[in-house]
Amino acid sequence: MSFTVIKRSDGAGVSRLLIAGDLDDDTGATLVRLILNAAEQYDVSEVVVDLQRVTFLAAAGVRALLLGRGAATDLGRNFRVVNAIGTVYQILRICGVHKTLAVTSEAGAITR
């Protein structure tokens, strides 16, 4: 599956990145740049990364999420990951980063 990101404003200073596809060596650096771009916007107070449609999460993807979190928090922005489900959530949990990334579920998330 191809990698796509849709950036949208949820209002009240929240910038949401909707990720779809594989998050791996080929896409991790792009995700970090997109998180940084979202966090650099003057009116953003929180960056939310939505993993609901991520089909594969490699170690490089986990690293990208951690680097993105670091970049966002360095700029004084809140950061969280939502809708990591199934295998994607299990990988984050096994790696021990689900709490660091503030992984939560939101109403209406699909299940696999």
Protein backbone atom coordinates (compact mmCIF):
# COMPACT_ATOMS: atom_id res chain seq x y z
CA MET A 1 0.00 0.00 0.00
CA SER A 2 1.22 3.50 -0.74
CA PHE A 3 1.95 6.02 1.99
CA THR A 4 -0.32 9.03 2.23
CA VAL A 5 -0.81 11.79 4.76
CA ILE A 6 -3.71 14.18 5.01
CA LYS A 7 -3.16 17.22 7.20
CA ARG A 8 -6.21 18.94 8.61
CA SER A 9 -7.08 21.40 11.30
CA ASP A 10 -9.43 20.12 13.98
CA GLY A 11 -9.88 23.66 15.27
CA ALA A 12 -8.78 25.09 18.61
CA GLY A 13 -5.10 24.83 17.62
CA VAL A 14 -5.10 21.10 16.82
CA SER A 15 -3.33 19.93 13.67
CA ARG A 16 -4.16 16.33 12.74
CA LEU A 17 -2.08 14.13 10.45
CA LEU A 18 -4.08 11.21 9.08
CA ILE A 19 -1.59 8.52 8.07
CA ALA A 20 -2.39 5.66 5.68
CA GLY A 21 -0.23 2.83 4.42
CA ASP A 22 3.16 1.58 5.55
CA LEU A 23 5.23 3.47 8.09
CA ASP A 24 8.74 2.16 7.57
CA ASP A 25 12.29 3.03 6.39
CA ASP A 26 10.95 4.54 3.18
CA THR A 27 8.39 6.81 4.84
CA GLY A 28 9.69 7.59 8.34
CA ALA A 29 11.75 10.66 7.45
CA THR A 30 8.80 12.14 5.57
CA LEU A 31 6.57 11.69 8.60
CA VAL A 32 9.08 13.45 10.85
CA ARG A 33 9.20 16.42 8.44
CA LEU A 34 5.39 16.58 8.31
CA ILE A 35 5.07 16.50 12.10
CA LEU A 36 7.68 19.26 12.38
CA ASN A 37 5.87 21.32 9.73
CA ALA A 38 2.59 20.98 11.61
CA ALA A 39 4.22 21.91 14.92
CA GLU A 40 5.89 24.98 13.42
CA GLN A 41 2.58 26.61 12.52
CA TYR A 42 2.03 29.62 14.78
CA ASP A 43 -1.58 28.75 15.64
CA VAL A 44 -0.96 25.09 16.53
CA SER A 45 -0.90 24.01 20.17
CA GLU A 46 -1.23 20.26 19.60
CA VAL A 47 -0.19 17.80 16.91
CA VAL A 48 -2.27 14.62 16.65
CA VAL A 49 -1.03 11.71 14.54
CA ASP A 50 -3.89 9.40 13.56
CA LEU A 51 -2.70 5.87 12.75
CA GLN A 52 -6.13 4.39 12.07
CA ARG A 53 -5.24 3.48 8.47
CA VAL A 54 -1.62 2.43 8.98
CA THR A 55 -1.22 -1.10 7.62
CA PHE A 56 2.39 -1.78 8.66
CA LEU A 57 4.60 -0.25 11.34
CA ALA A 58 8.33 -0.98 11.28
CA ALA A 59 10.96 0.05 13.82
CA ALA A 60 11.78 3.03 11.59
CA GLY A 61 8.15 4.12 11.89
CA VAL A 62 8.28 3.92 15.67
CA ARG A 63 11.48 5.97 15.58
CA ALA A 64 9.80 8.55 13.32
CA LEU A 65 6.94 8.94 15.79
CA LEU A 66 9.39 9.43 18.66
CA LEU A 67 11.46 11.96 16.68
CA GLY A 68 8.30 13.78 15.66
CA ARG A 69 7.14 13.89 19.27
CA GLY A 70 10.50 15.32 20.30
CA ALA A 71 10.34 17.99 17.60
CA ALA A 72 6.79 18.98 18.55
CA THR A 73 7.47 19.13 22.28
CA ASP A 74 10.69 21.09 21.71
CA LEU A 75 8.47 23.73 20.09
CA GLY A 76 6.13 23.70 23.09
CA ARG A 77 3.39 21.75 21.33
CA ASN A 78 1.40 18.89 22.80
CA PHE A 79 1.73 15.65 20.88
CA ARG A 80 -0.30 12.47 20.84
CA VAL A 81 -0.99 9.43 18.73
CA VAL A 82 -4.55 8.21 18.24
CA ASN A 83 -6.27 5.19 16.79
CA ALA A 84 -3.33 2.82 16.74
CA ILE A 85 -5.24 -0.43 16.47
CA GLY A 86 -4.50 -4.11 16.05
CA THR A 87 -0.93 -4.99 15.18
CA VAL A 88 0.10 -1.33 15.03
CA TYR A 89 -0.92 -0.83 18.67
CA GLN A 90 0.73 -4.09 19.69
CA ILE A 91 4.03 -2.99 18.14
CA LEU A 92 3.92 0.32 20.02
CA ARG A 93 3.10 -1.51 23.25
CA ILE A 94 5.81 -4.16 22.79
CA CYS A 95 8.36 -1.42 22.05
CA GLY A 96 7.28 0.26 25.28
CA VAL A 97 6.46 3.60 23.67
CA HIS A 98 2.65 3.62 23.82
CA LYS A 99 2.67 5.71 27.01
CA THR A 100 5.42 8.06 25.81
CA LEU A 101 3.44 8.70 22.63
CA ALA A 102 0.21 9.14 24.64
CA VAL A 103 -1.58 6.58 22.45
CA THR A 104 -5.36 6.75 22.81
CA SER A 105 -8.40 5.64 20.86
CA GLU A 106 -11.12 7.94 19.62
CA ALA A 107 -14.79 7.25 19.05
CA GLY A 108 -15.50 6.01 15.56
CA ALA A 109 -12.14 4.29 15.05
CA ILE A 110 -12.35 1.28 12.79
CA THR A 111 -11.28 -2.12 14.07
CA ARG A 112 -9.34 -4.71 12.14
